[in-house]
Amino acid sequence: MPLAFTVPKSVYMSRPSDIIVTNEDYRKLAVRFYQYQTMLGYVPHSTRSKFLALNEFLQWLECKGTTDITSVTPIIITEFYEYISSRPSKKDGAALNQKTVCRAIYILRDCFEILVQERKIKSNPFGVLQFPYPQEEPPERTILTQEEIQQIYEAATTAQERAILSLAYGCGLRAGELQKCNTEDIRLREKILIVPEGKGNKRRVIPLSNGVVKDLANYYYNEREALTGGRDYKLSTDNAAAFMLHSRGGRMNDDTYNKYLRRIIERTANKAMQEKQISIHSLRHSIATHLLEQGINVEQVRMFLGHSQLETTQIYTHITQQQLNKLME
């Protein structure tokens, strides 16, 4: 991580007054970490939070008399974990939420991993430590079976309907990502779809299967042009860039996508599925579960979905295990 720029003054000015790092090497490390998070595409609020969390740790090290980051051991990290778990919140004085504590620890883990990559240290001191993220009951999610997904695809009657299914299910796009999808984001020849600004402002590239490429190409070359004749389509507006257009030639929003999906589901003969609360986002939940059921590595699924933390993706492993347990009852 070459030191190409400094941290904006606004970040320092908004920093709690009791977080002061004097060690020059530590200060440089914090700036390099800030730069790296910025390069990854995190939004300013997120990079600021990570920067401040690292600075608190570095200040704590100074107070302990540790002035060399390479001398940090698992014991020292454990001591910091105990410290931050017991210190009151600087906002209201209450005990810190366990999720907040874990996020702070994971930030430090990432920083040490960068030091390993730079060969500043031989191994990450977090390697032998475990700080489990607090477990919660996963939110209620409508997960369709692979058979139900197949029935929905078979009920699609237009190229546009199949393209919508392939974007939501085949690409696992969030509802907001689906709405923002532009024609320039879809590279049919390269078989990739680019999400320029996903959740947390993170960019990701999604590989397209041959089936998805076929569905998207069929809509784009055979049906989209006819939709540009609608009254909402104007070359000077954002609508012209949209990949998916509604009947009036405008960019589709969440409600329109869900209306199309509901229309497709109503054509199936599956009454039980018709009674479920199924949305476009349900297709994203479903592809995540199906990929894990097929044995795809959790980290690969995390990258496909654009999750920042592996713990978010692991919710689906819990759902999958629940399904397996029901089969064994």
C-alpha atoms as a PDB file:
ATOM      1  CA  MET A   1       0.000   0.000   0.000  1.00  0.00           C
ATOM      2  CA  PRO A   2       2.059   2.990  -1.172  1.00  0.00           C
ATOM      3  CA  LEU A   3       1.392   6.184   0.771  1.00  0.00           C
ATOM      4  CA  ALA A   4      -0.133   8.305  -1.989  1.00  0.00           C
ATOM      5  CA  PHE A   5      -2.281  10.666   0.043  1.00  0.00           C
ATOM      6  CA  THR A   6      -3.156  11.654   3.586  1.00  0.00           C
ATOM      7  CA  VAL A   7      -6.424  11.218   5.418  1.00  0.00           C
ATOM      8  CA  PRO A   8      -8.850  14.125   4.877  1.00  0.00           C
ATOM      9  CA  LYS A   9      -8.734  16.699   7.669  1.00  0.00           C
ATOM     10  CA  SER A  10     -12.462  16.240   8.254  1.00  0.00           C
ATOM     11  CA  VAL A  11     -11.795  12.693   9.485  1.00  0.00           C
ATOM     12  CA  TYR A  12      -9.254  13.913  12.038  1.00  0.00           C
ATOM     13  CA  MET A  13     -11.503  16.779  13.114  1.00  0.00           C
ATOM     14  CA  SER A  14     -14.447  14.449  13.728  1.00  0.00           C
ATOM     15  CA  ARG A  15     -12.287  11.968  15.642  1.00  0.00           C
ATOM     16  CA  PRO A  16     -12.983  11.667  19.403  1.00  0.00           C
ATOM     17  CA  SER A  17     -10.570  13.969  21.244  1.00  0.00           C
ATOM     18  CA  ASP A  18      -9.299  11.158  23.460  1.00  0.00           C
ATOM     19  CA  ILE A  19      -7.923   9.159  20.488  1.00  0.00           C
ATOM     20  CA  ILE A  20      -4.448  10.534  19.902  1.00  0.00           C
ATOM     21  CA  VAL A  21      -1.688   8.464  18.284  1.00  0.00           C
ATOM     22  CA  THR A  22       1.818   9.924  18.578  1.00  0.00           C
ATOM     23  CA  ASN A  23       3.937   7.059  17.230  1.00  0.00           C
ATOM     24  CA  GLU A  24       4.929   8.079  13.689  1.00  0.00           C
ATOM     25  CA  ASP A  25       5.002   4.492  12.369  1.00  0.00           C
ATOM     26  CA  TYR A  26       1.533   3.895  13.771  1.00  0.00           C
ATOM     27  CA  ARG A  27       0.228   7.088  12.194  1.00  0.00           C
ATOM     28  CA  LYS A  28       1.602   6.052   8.804  1.00  0.00           C
ATOM     29  CA  LEU A  29       0.065   2.594   9.177  1.00  0.00           C
ATOM     30  CA  ALA A  30      -3.355   4.128   9.871  1.00  0.00           C
ATOM     31  CA  VAL A  31      -3.086   6.343   6.779  1.00  0.00           C
ATOM     32  CA  ARG A  32      -2.068   3.397   4.595  1.00  0.00           C
ATOM     33  CA  PHE A  33      -4.994   1.363   5.915  1.00  0.00           C
ATOM     34  CA  TYR A  34      -7.371   4.262   5.199  1.00  0.00           C
ATOM     35  CA  GLN A  35      -6.008   4.465   1.659  1.00  0.00           C
ATOM     36  CA  TYR A  36      -6.446   0.740   1.110  1.00  0.00           C
ATOM     37  CA  GLN A  37     -10.092   0.817   2.259  1.00  0.00           C
ATOM     38  CA  THR A  38     -10.720   3.738  -0.095  1.00  0.00           C
ATOM     39  CA  MET A  39      -9.188   1.778  -2.991  1.00  0.00           C
ATOM     40  CA  LEU A  40     -11.524  -1.128  -2.217  1.00  0.00           C
ATOM     41  CA  GLY A  41     -14.467   1.195  -2.800  1.00  0.00           C
ATOM     42  CA  TYR A  42     -15.874   1.611   0.710  1.00  0.00           C
ATOM     43  CA  VAL A  43     -17.946   4.759   1.261  1.00  0.00           C
ATOM     44  CA  PRO A  44     -16.367   7.612   3.303  1.00  0.00           C
ATOM     45  CA  HIS A  45     -18.441   6.820   6.400  1.00  0.00           C
ATOM     46  CA  SER A  46     -17.201   3.232   6.404  1.00  0.00           C
ATOM     47  CA  THR A  47     -13.540   4.127   5.801  1.00  0.00           C
ATOM     48  CA  ARG A  48     -13.726   6.700   8.596  1.00  0.00           C
ATOM     49  CA  SER A  49     -15.134   4.115  11.021  1.00  0.00           C
ATOM     50  CA  LYS A  50     -12.395   1.628  10.153  1.00  0.00           C
ATOM     51  CA  PHE A  51      -9.720   4.325  10.470  1.00  0.00           C
ATOM     52  CA  LEU A  52     -10.947   5.360  13.924  1.00  0.00           C
ATOM     53  CA  ALA A  53     -11.201   1.747  15.132  1.00  0.00           C
ATOM     54  CA  LEU A  54      -7.595   1.102  14.109  1.00  0.00           C
ATOM     55  CA  ASN A  55      -6.451   4.335  15.761  1.00  0.00           C
ATOM     56  CA  GLU A  56      -8.057   3.324  19.043  1.00  0.00           C
ATOM     57  CA  PHE A  57      -6.108   0.067  18.972  1.00  0.00           C
ATOM     58  CA  LEU A  58      -2.852   1.848  18.120  1.00  0.00           C
ATOM     59  CA  GLN A  59      -3.372   4.342  20.935  1.00  0.00           C
ATOM     60  CA  TRP A  60      -4.089   1.465  23.325  1.00  0.00           C
ATOM     61  CA  LEU A  61      -0.820  -0.188  22.230  1.00  0.00           C
ATOM     62  CA  GLU A  62       1.085   3.023  22.977  1.00  0.00           C
ATOM     63  CA  CYS A  63      -0.436   3.193  26.452  1.00  0.00           C
ATOM     64  CA  LYS A  64       0.667  -0.411  27.015  1.00  0.00           C
ATOM     65  CA  GLY A  65       4.219   0.483  25.963  1.00  0.00           C
ATOM     66  CA  THR A  66       4.081  -1.477  22.682  1.00  0.00           C
ATOM     67  CA  THR A  67       5.582   0.730  19.965  1.00  0.00           C
ATOM     68  CA  ASP A  68       6.260  -1.862  17.236  1.00  0.00           C
ATOM     69  CA  ILE A  69       3.303  -3.351  15.359  1.00  0.00           C
ATOM     70  CA  THR A  70       5.358  -6.444  14.480  1.00  0.00           C
ATOM     71  CA  SER A  71       5.595  -7.352  18.167  1.00  0.00           C
ATOM     72  CA  VAL A  72       1.830  -7.714  18.599  1.00  0.00           C
ATOM     73  CA  THR A  73       0.937 -11.230  19.768  1.00  0.00           C
ATOM     74  CA  PRO A  74      -2.319 -13.165  20.152  1.00  0.00           C
ATOM     75  CA  ILE A  75      -2.141 -12.457  23.896  1.00  0.00           C
ATOM     76  CA  ILE A  76      -2.031  -8.698  23.271  1.00  0.00           C
ATOM     77  CA  ILE A  77      -4.990  -8.930  20.891  1.00  0.00           C
ATOM     78  CA  THR A  78      -6.959 -10.925  23.452  1.00  0.00           C
ATOM     79  CA  GLU A  79      -6.227  -8.266  26.062  1.00  0.00           C
ATOM     80  CA  PHE A  80      -7.495  -5.565  23.688  1.00  0.00           C
ATOM     81  CA  TYR A  81     -10.630  -7.607  23.010  1.00  0.00           C
ATOM     82  CA  GLU A  82     -11.293  -7.776  26.757  1.00  0.00           C
ATOM     83  CA  TYR A  83     -10.647  -4.041  27.037  1.00  0.00           C
ATOM     84  CA  ILE A  84     -12.972  -2.996  24.241  1.00  0.00           C
ATOM     85  CA  SER A  85     -15.644  -5.446  25.405  1.00  0.00           C
ATOM     86  CA  SER A  86     -15.705  -3.811  28.833  1.00  0.00           C
ATOM     87  CA  ARG A  87     -15.277  -0.135  27.968  1.00  0.00           C
ATOM     88  CA  PRO A  88     -18.439   1.990  27.818  1.00  0.00           C
ATOM     89  CA  SER A  89     -19.750   3.498  24.612  1.00  0.00           C
ATOM     90  CA  LYS A  90     -18.408   6.984  23.926  1.00  0.00           C
ATOM     91  CA  LYS A  91     -21.856   8.043  22.737  1.00  0.00           C
ATOM     92  CA  ASP A  92     -24.100   7.173  25.678  1.00  0.00           C
ATOM     93  CA  GLY A  93     -21.901   5.423  28.254  1.00  0.00           C
ATOM     94  CA  ALA A  94     -23.726   2.116  27.859  1.00  0.00           C
ATOM     95  CA  ALA A  95     -22.000  -1.205  27.257  1.00  0.00           C
ATOM     96  CA  LEU A  96     -20.862  -1.719  23.677  1.00  0.00           C
ATOM     97  CA  ASN A  97     -22.984  -3.952  21.495  1.00  0.00           C
ATOM     98  CA  GLN A  98     -21.237  -7.270  20.880  1.00  0.00           C
ATOM     99  CA  LYS A  99     -21.574  -6.756  17.131  1.00  0.00           C
ATOM    100  CA  THR A 100     -19.727  -3.442  17.454  1.00  0.00           C
ATOM    101  CA  VAL A 101     -16.937  -5.162  19.381  1.00  0.00           C
ATOM    102  CA  CYS A 102     -16.618  -7.904  16.768  1.00  0.00           C
ATOM    103  CA  ARG A 103     -16.577  -5.434  13.894  1.00  0.00           C
ATOM    104  CA  ALA A 104     -13.739  -3.529  15.561  1.00  0.00           C
ATOM    105  CA  ILE A 105     -11.774  -6.748  16.019  1.00  0.00           C
ATOM    106  CA  TYR A 106     -12.368  -7.818  12.406  1.00  0.00           C
ATOM    107  CA  ILE A 107     -11.011  -4.448  11.225  1.00  0.00           C
ATOM    108  CA  LEU A 108      -7.765  -5.160  13.088  1.00  0.00           C
ATOM    109  CA  ARG A 109      -7.640  -8.651  11.624  1.00  0.00           C
ATOM    110  CA  ASP A 110      -7.874  -7.171   8.128  1.00  0.00           C
ATOM    111  CA  CYS A 111      -5.101  -4.692   8.911  1.00  0.00           C
ATOM    112  CA  PHE A 112      -2.757  -7.447  10.056  1.00  0.00           C
ATOM    113  CA  GLU A 113      -3.601  -9.482   6.970  1.00  0.00           C
ATOM    114  CA  ILE A 114      -2.416  -6.559   4.848  1.00  0.00           C
ATOM    115  CA  LEU A 115       0.833  -6.507   6.839  1.00  0.00           C
ATOM    116  CA  VAL A 116       1.273 -10.197   6.031  1.00  0.00           C
ATOM    117  CA  GLN A 117       0.764  -9.481   2.333  1.00  0.00           C
ATOM    118  CA  GLU A 118       3.347  -6.694   2.550  1.00  0.00           C
ATOM    119  CA  ARG A 119       5.690  -9.133   4.301  1.00  0.00           C
ATOM    120  CA  LYS A 120       6.003  -6.793   7.267  1.00  0.00           C
ATOM    121  CA  ILE A 121       5.051  -9.720   9.506  1.00  0.00           C
ATOM    122  CA  LYS A 122       5.346 -13.461   8.885  1.00  0.00           C
ATOM    123  CA  SER A 123       1.895 -14.486  10.100  1.00  0.00           C
ATOM    124  CA  ASN A 124      -1.346 -12.908  11.216  1.00  0.00           C
ATOM    125  CA  PRO A 125      -1.600 -13.045  15.034  1.00  0.00           C
ATOM    126  CA  PHE A 126      -5.348 -13.467  14.600  1.00  0.00           C
ATOM    127  CA  GLY A 127      -4.746 -16.851  12.960  1.00  0.00           C
ATOM    128  CA  VAL A 128      -5.123 -18.838  16.186  1.00  0.00           C
ATOM    129  CA  LEU A 129      -7.852 -16.672  17.703  1.00  0.00           C
ATOM    130  CA  GLN A 130     -11.609 -16.921  17.370  1.00  0.00           C
ATOM    131  CA  PHE A 131     -14.024 -14.099  18.021  1.00  0.00           C
ATOM    132  CA  PRO A 132     -17.401 -15.513  16.982  1.00  0.00           C
ATOM    133  CA  TYR A 133     -19.904 -13.036  15.621  1.00  0.00           C
ATOM    134  CA  PRO A 134     -23.055 -13.008  17.810  1.00  0.00           C
ATOM    135  CA  GLN A 135     -25.526 -15.524  16.483  1.00  0.00           C
ATOM    136  CA  GLU A 136     -29.067 -14.444  15.777  1.00  0.00           C
ATOM    137  CA  GLU A 137     -32.078 -16.135  14.371  1.00  0.00           C
ATOM    138  CA  PRO A 138     -31.896 -15.455  10.632  1.00  0.00           C
ATOM    139  CA  PRO A 139     -34.585 -13.100   9.344  1.00  0.00           C
ATOM    140  CA  GLU A 140     -37.627 -14.687   7.804  1.00  0.00           C
ATOM    141  CA  ARG A 141     -36.738 -15.287   4.172  1.00  0.00           C
ATOM    142  CA  THR A 142     -38.815 -16.794   1.415  1.00  0.00           C
ATOM    143  CA  ILE A 143     -36.608 -19.425  -0.197  1.00  0.00           C
ATOM    144  CA  LEU A 144     -37.928 -21.129  -3.316  1.00  0.00           C
ATOM    145  CA  THR A 145     -36.917 -24.657  -4.208  1.00  0.00           C
ATOM    146  CA  GLN A 146     -35.058 -25.329  -7.432  1.00  0.00           C
ATOM    147  CA  GLU A 147     -38.227 -27.003  -8.745  1.00  0.00           C
ATOM    148  CA  GLU A 148     -40.235 -23.839  -8.026  1.00  0.00           C
ATOM    149  CA  ILE A 149     -37.638 -21.702  -9.788  1.00  0.00           C
ATOM    150  CA  GLN A 150     -37.889 -23.986 -12.807  1.00  0.00           C
ATOM    151  CA  GLN A 151     -41.681 -23.623 -12.792  1.00  0.00           C
ATOM    152  CA  ILE A 152     -41.363 -19.822 -12.740  1.00  0.00           C
ATOM    153  CA  TYR A 153     -38.961 -19.854 -15.684  1.00  0.00           C
ATOM    154  CA  GLU A 154     -41.309 -22.137 -17.615  1.00  0.00           C
ATOM    155  CA  ALA A 155     -44.202 -19.734 -16.967  1.00  0.00           C
ATOM    156  CA  ALA A 156     -42.341 -16.763 -18.478  1.00  0.00           C
ATOM    157  CA  THR A 157     -43.862 -15.946 -21.864  1.00  0.00           C
ATOM    158  CA  THR A 158     -41.599 -13.156 -23.145  1.00  0.00           C
ATOM    159  CA  ALA A 159     -37.879 -12.622 -23.508  1.00  0.00           C
ATOM    160  CA  GLN A 160     -38.193  -9.674 -21.127  1.00  0.00           C
ATOM    161  CA  GLU A 161     -39.708 -11.825 -18.388  1.00  0.00           C
ATOM    162  CA  ARG A 162     -36.933 -14.402 -18.686  1.00  0.00           C
ATOM    163  CA  ALA A 163     -34.345 -11.605 -18.630  1.00  0.00           C
ATOM    164  CA  ILE A 164     -35.834 -10.253 -15.389  1.00  0.00           C
ATOM    165  CA  LEU A 165     -35.609 -13.707 -13.814  1.00  0.00           C
ATOM    166  CA  SER A 166     -32.038 -14.143 -14.999  1.00  0.00           C
ATOM    167  CA  LEU A 167     -30.958 -10.808 -13.534  1.00  0.00           C
ATOM    168  CA  ALA A 168     -32.637 -11.431 -10.170  1.00  0.00           C
ATOM    169  CA  TYR A 169     -31.998 -15.162  -9.824  1.00  0.00           C
ATOM    170  CA  GLY A 170     -29.208 -15.998 -12.291  1.00  0.00           C
ATOM    171  CA  CYS A 171     -27.127 -12.953 -11.255  1.00  0.00           C
ATOM    172  CA  GLY A 172     -28.342 -12.659  -7.663  1.00  0.00           C
ATOM    173  CA  LEU A 173     -28.825  -8.896  -7.918  1.00  0.00           C
ATOM    174  CA  ARG A 174     -30.331  -6.912  -5.079  1.00  0.00           C
ATOM    175  CA  ALA A 175     -33.553  -5.090  -5.933  1.00  0.00           C
ATOM    176  CA  GLY A 176     -31.731  -1.750  -5.941  1.00  0.00           C
ATOM    177  CA  GLU A 177     -28.954  -3.129  -8.162  1.00  0.00           C
ATOM    178  CA  LEU A 178     -31.529  -4.469 -10.582  1.00  0.00           C
ATOM    179  CA  GLN A 179     -33.159  -1.059 -10.804  1.00  0.00           C
ATOM    180  CA  LYS A 180     -29.814   0.700 -11.471  1.00  0.00           C
ATOM    181  CA  CYS A 181     -28.599  -1.824 -14.063  1.00  0.00           C
ATOM    182  CA  ASN A 182     -27.582  -0.113 -17.327  1.00  0.00           C
ATOM    183  CA  THR A 183     -26.882  -1.526 -20.756  1.00  0.00           C
ATOM    184  CA  GLU A 184     -23.184  -0.658 -20.398  1.00  0.00           C
ATOM    185  CA  ASP A 185     -22.964  -2.829 -17.271  1.00  0.00           C
ATOM    186  CA  ILE A 186     -23.768  -6.006 -19.193  1.00  0.00           C
ATOM    187  CA  ARG A 187     -20.939  -7.415 -21.290  1.00  0.00           C
ATOM    188  CA  LEU A 188     -22.499 -10.281 -23.213  1.00  0.00           C
ATOM    189  CA  ARG A 189     -19.366 -11.184 -25.183  1.00  0.00           C
ATOM    190  CA  GLU A 190     -17.248 -11.261 -22.048  1.00  0.00           C
ATOM    191  CA  LYS A 191     -20.041 -13.042 -20.151  1.00  0.00           C
ATOM    192  CA  ILE A 192     -19.900 -10.690 -17.182  1.00  0.00           C
ATOM    193  CA  LEU A 193     -22.197  -8.198 -15.475  1.00  0.00           C
ATOM    194  CA  ILE A 194     -20.646  -5.261 -13.618  1.00  0.00           C
ATOM    195  CA  VAL A 195     -22.294  -3.790 -10.530  1.00  0.00           C
ATOM    196  CA  PRO A 196     -20.578  -0.355 -10.336  1.00  0.00           C
ATOM    197  CA  GLU A 197     -22.023   0.607  -6.958  1.00  0.00           C
ATOM    198  CA  GLY A 198     -23.468  -2.190  -4.882  1.00  0.00           C
ATOM    199  CA  LYS A 199     -24.257  -2.034  -1.170  1.00  0.00           C
ATOM    200  CA  GLY A 200     -21.561  -0.042   0.622  1.00  0.00           C
ATOM    201  CA  ASN A 201     -20.620   1.492  -2.722  1.00  0.00           C
ATOM    202  CA  LYS A 202     -18.630  -1.634  -3.583  1.00  0.00           C
ATOM    203  CA  ARG A 203     -18.021  -2.617  -7.186  1.00  0.00           C
ATOM    204  CA  ARG A 204     -18.196  -6.284  -8.197  1.00  0.00           C
ATOM    205  CA  VAL A 205     -18.134  -8.388 -11.342  1.00  0.00           C
ATOM    206  CA  ILE A 206     -20.603 -11.248 -11.777  1.00  0.00           C
ATOM    207  CA  PRO A 207     -19.907 -14.093 -14.214  1.00  0.00           C
ATOM    208  CA  LEU A 208     -22.813 -14.965 -16.516  1.00  0.00           C
ATOM    209  CA  SER A 209     -23.767 -18.523 -17.360  1.00  0.00           C
ATOM    210  CA  ASN A 210     -24.562 -19.423 -20.961  1.00  0.00           C
ATOM    211  CA  GLY A 211     -28.264 -19.577 -20.099  1.00  0.00           C
ATOM    212  CA  VAL A 212     -28.240 -16.091 -18.565  1.00  0.00           C
ATOM    213  CA  VAL A 213     -26.337 -14.684 -21.551  1.00  0.00           C
ATOM    214  CA  LYS A 214     -28.918 -16.192 -23.882  1.00  0.00           C
ATOM    215  CA  ASP A 215     -31.847 -14.714 -21.907  1.00  0.00           C
ATOM    216  CA  LEU A 216     -30.342 -11.234 -21.658  1.00  0.00           C
ATOM    217  CA  ALA A 217     -29.308 -11.184 -25.322  1.00  0.00           C
ATOM    218  CA  ASN A 218     -32.725 -12.357 -26.480  1.00  0.00           C
ATOM    219  CA  TYR A 219     -34.433  -9.485 -24.639  1.00  0.00           C
ATOM    220  CA  TYR A 220     -31.882  -6.856 -25.623  1.00  0.00           C
ATOM    221  CA  TYR A 221     -31.791  -7.649 -29.336  1.00  0.00           C
ATOM    222  CA  ASN A 222     -35.414  -8.665 -29.878  1.00  0.00           C
ATOM    223  CA  GLU A 223     -37.657  -6.773 -27.449  1.00  0.00           C
ATOM    224  CA  ARG A 224     -35.929  -3.768 -25.863  1.00  0.00           C
ATOM    225  CA  GLU A 225     -35.884  -1.597 -28.984  1.00  0.00           C
ATOM    226  CA  ALA A 226     -39.668  -1.750 -29.290  1.00  0.00           C
ATOM    227  CA  LEU A 227     -39.971  -0.397 -25.727  1.00  0.00           C
ATOM    228  CA  THR A 228     -37.948   2.724 -26.599  1.00  0.00           C
ATOM    229  CA  GLY A 229     -40.992   3.996 -28.461  1.00  0.00           C
ATOM    230  CA  GLY A 230     -42.803   4.648 -25.177  1.00  0.00           C
ATOM    231  CA  ARG A 231     -43.579   8.178 -23.993  1.00  0.00           C
ATOM    232  CA  ASP A 232     -41.112   7.976 -21.053  1.00  0.00           C
ATOM    233  CA  TYR A 233     -38.128   7.143 -23.235  1.00  0.00           C
ATOM    234  CA  LYS A 234     -35.938  10.115 -24.144  1.00  0.00           C
ATOM    235  CA  LEU A 235     -32.284   9.958 -25.148  1.00  0.00           C
ATOM    236  CA  SER A 236     -31.535  12.942 -22.921  1.00  0.00           C
ATOM    237  CA  THR A 237     -32.755  11.192 -19.760  1.00  0.00           C
ATOM    238  CA  ASP A 238     -31.466   8.419 -17.518  1.00  0.00           C
ATOM    239  CA  ASN A 239     -34.054   6.089 -19.026  1.00  0.00           C
ATOM    240  CA  ALA A 240     -31.997   5.720 -22.198  1.00  0.00           C
ATOM    241  CA  ALA A 241     -29.189   4.045 -20.246  1.00  0.00           C
ATOM    242  CA  ALA A 242     -31.450   1.557 -18.453  1.00  0.00           C
ATOM    243  CA  PHE A 243     -31.143  -2.053 -19.545  1.00  0.00           C
ATOM    244  CA  MET A 244     -34.663  -3.007 -18.492  1.00  0.00           C
ATOM    245  CA  LEU A 245     -37.503  -0.765 -19.699  1.00  0.00           C
ATOM    246  CA  HIS A 246     -41.181  -0.924 -18.797  1.00  0.00           C
ATOM    247  CA  SER A 247     -43.999  -0.664 -21.322  1.00  0.00           C
ATOM    248  CA  ARG A 248     -43.792   3.166 -21.440  1.00  0.00           C
ATOM    249  CA  GLY A 249     -40.038   3.113 -22.093  1.00  0.00           C
ATOM    250  CA  GLY A 250     -38.920   4.189 -18.625  1.00  0.00           C
ATOM    251  CA  ARG A 251     -36.551   2.609 -16.106  1.00  0.00           C
ATOM    252  CA  MET A 252     -38.234  -0.061 -14.010  1.00  0.00           C
ATOM    253  CA  ASN A 253     -38.507   0.425 -10.241  1.00  0.00           C
ATOM    254  CA  ASP A 254     -38.896  -2.184  -7.496  1.00  0.00           C
ATOM    255  CA  ASP A 255     -42.683  -2.219  -7.655  1.00  0.00           C
ATOM    256  CA  THR A 256     -42.697  -2.832 -11.409  1.00  0.00           C
ATOM    257  CA  TYR A 257     -40.220  -5.702 -11.143  1.00  0.00           C
ATOM    258  CA  ASN A 258     -42.326  -7.315  -8.434  1.00  0.00           C
ATOM    259  CA  LYS A 259     -45.483  -6.814 -10.500  1.00  0.00           C
ATOM    260  CA  TYR A 260     -43.890  -8.670 -13.414  1.00  0.00           C
ATOM    261  CA  LEU A 261     -42.752 -11.470 -11.097  1.00  0.00           C
ATOM    262  CA  ARG A 262     -46.199 -11.837  -9.527  1.00  0.00           C
ATOM    263  CA  ARG A 263     -47.748 -12.006 -12.997  1.00  0.00           C
ATOM    264  CA  ILE A 264     -45.394 -14.851 -13.943  1.00  0.00           C
ATOM    265  CA  ILE A 265     -46.062 -16.782 -10.719  1.00  0.00           C
ATOM    266  CA  GLU A 266     -49.830 -16.510 -11.231  1.00  0.00           C
ATOM    267  CA  ARG A 267     -49.397 -18.416 -14.506  1.00  0.00           C
ATOM    268  CA  THR A 268     -47.897 -21.436 -12.772  1.00  0.00           C
ATOM    269  CA  ALA A 269     -50.091 -24.272 -11.571  1.00  0.00           C
ATOM    270  CA  ASN A 270     -48.408 -24.181  -8.167  1.00  0.00           C
ATOM    271  CA  LYS A 271     -51.103 -22.880  -5.788  1.00  0.00           C
ATOM    272  CA  ALA A 272     -48.846 -23.219  -2.731  1.00  0.00           C
ATOM    273  CA  MET A 273     -46.215 -21.020  -4.342  1.00  0.00           C
ATOM    274  CA  GLN A 274     -48.847 -18.469  -5.347  1.00  0.00           C
ATOM    275  CA  GLU A 275     -49.798 -18.063  -1.683  1.00  0.00           C
ATOM    276  CA  LYS A 276     -46.226 -17.264  -0.616  1.00  0.00           C
ATOM    277  CA  GLN A 277     -44.932 -13.727  -0.158  1.00  0.00           C
ATOM    278  CA  ILE A 278     -42.446 -13.784  -3.046  1.00  0.00           C
ATOM    279  CA  SER A 279     -40.546 -10.718  -4.186  1.00  0.00           C
ATOM    280  CA  ILE A 280     -37.655 -10.055  -6.535  1.00  0.00           C
ATOM    281  CA  HIS A 281     -35.358 -10.207  -3.509  1.00  0.00           C
ATOM    282  CA  SER A 282     -36.645 -13.724  -2.781  1.00  0.00           C
ATOM    283  CA  LEU A 283     -34.921 -14.855  -5.984  1.00  0.00           C
ATOM    284  CA  ARG A 284     -31.590 -13.536  -4.632  1.00  0.00           C
ATOM    285  CA  HIS A 285     -32.126 -15.434  -1.384  1.00  0.00           C
ATOM    286  CA  SER A 286     -32.965 -18.542  -3.385  1.00  0.00           C
ATOM    287  CA  ILE A 287     -29.876 -18.528  -5.623  1.00  0.00           C
ATOM    288  CA  ALA A 288     -27.672 -18.055  -2.539  1.00  0.00           C
ATOM    289  CA  THR A 289     -29.186 -21.137  -0.905  1.00  0.00           C
ATOM    290  CA  HIS A 290     -29.073 -23.198  -4.093  1.00  0.00           C
ATOM    291  CA  LEU A 291     -25.390 -22.428  -4.711  1.00  0.00           C
ATOM    292  CA  LEU A 292     -24.514 -23.585  -1.200  1.00  0.00           C
ATOM    293  CA  GLU A 293     -26.648 -26.709  -1.613  1.00  0.00           C
ATOM    294  CA  GLN A 294     -24.660 -27.502  -4.740  1.00  0.00           C
ATOM    295  CA  GLY A 295     -21.415 -27.377  -2.764  1.00  0.00           C
ATOM    296  CA  ILE A 296     -20.128 -23.972  -3.887  1.00  0.00           C
ATOM    297  CA  ASN A 297     -17.606 -22.531  -1.414  1.00  0.00           C
ATOM    298  CA  VAL A 298     -19.101 -19.988   1.010  1.00  0.00           C
ATOM    299  CA  GLU A 299     -16.412 -17.421   0.122  1.00  0.00           C
ATOM    300  CA  GLN A 300     -17.280 -17.730  -3.583  1.00  0.00           C
ATOM    301  CA  VAL A 301     -20.951 -17.222  -2.785  1.00  0.00           C
ATOM    302  CA  ARG A 302     -20.031 -14.177  -0.666  1.00  0.00           C
ATOM    303  CA  MET A 303     -18.220 -12.603  -3.622  1.00  0.00           C
ATOM    304  CA  PHE A 304     -21.076 -13.470  -5.985  1.00  0.00           C
ATOM    305  CA  LEU A 305     -23.627 -11.785  -3.714  1.00  0.00           C
ATOM    306  CA  GLY A 306     -21.406  -8.824  -2.850  1.00  0.00           C
ATOM    307  CA  HIS A 307     -21.520  -9.325   0.920  1.00  0.00           C
ATOM    308  CA  SER A 308     -18.920  -7.367   2.877  1.00  0.00           C
ATOM    309  CA  GLN A 309     -18.751  -9.933   5.660  1.00  0.00           C
ATOM    310  CA  LEU A 310     -18.698 -13.703   5.453  1.00  0.00           C
ATOM    311  CA  GLU A 311     -21.057 -13.832   8.433  1.00  0.00           C
ATOM    312  CA  THR A 312     -23.836 -12.384   6.259  1.00  0.00           C
ATOM    313  CA  THR A 313     -23.455 -15.178   3.718  1.00  0.00           C
ATOM    314  CA  GLN A 314     -23.310 -17.816   6.457  1.00  0.00           C
ATOM    315  CA  ILE A 315     -26.931 -17.021   7.300  1.00  0.00           C
ATOM    316  CA  TYR A 316     -27.783 -19.049   4.212  1.00  0.00           C
ATOM    317  CA  THR A 317     -25.746 -22.022   5.437  1.00  0.00           C
ATOM    318  CA  HIS A 318     -27.940 -21.960   8.538  1.00  0.00           C
ATOM    319  CA  ILE A 319     -31.079 -21.965   6.392  1.00  0.00           C
ATOM    320  CA  THR A 320     -29.721 -24.828   4.311  1.00  0.00           C
ATOM    321  CA  GLN A 321     -28.938 -26.865   7.435  1.00  0.00           C
ATOM    322  CA  GLN A 322     -32.473 -26.261   8.699  1.00  0.00           C
ATOM    323  CA  GLN A 323     -33.839 -27.631   5.430  1.00  0.00           C
ATOM    324  CA  LEU A 324     -31.642 -30.720   5.691  1.00  0.00           C
ATOM    325  CA  ASN A 325     -32.769 -31.287   9.276  1.00  0.00           C
ATOM    326  CA  LYS A 326     -36.416 -31.184   8.210  1.00  0.00           C
ATOM    327  CA  LEU A 327     -35.731 -33.849   5.590  1.00  0.00           C
ATOM    328  CA  MET A 328     -34.266 -36.075   8.300  1.00  0.00           C
ATOM    329  CA  GLU A 329     -37.195 -35.702  10.728  1.00  0.00           C
END
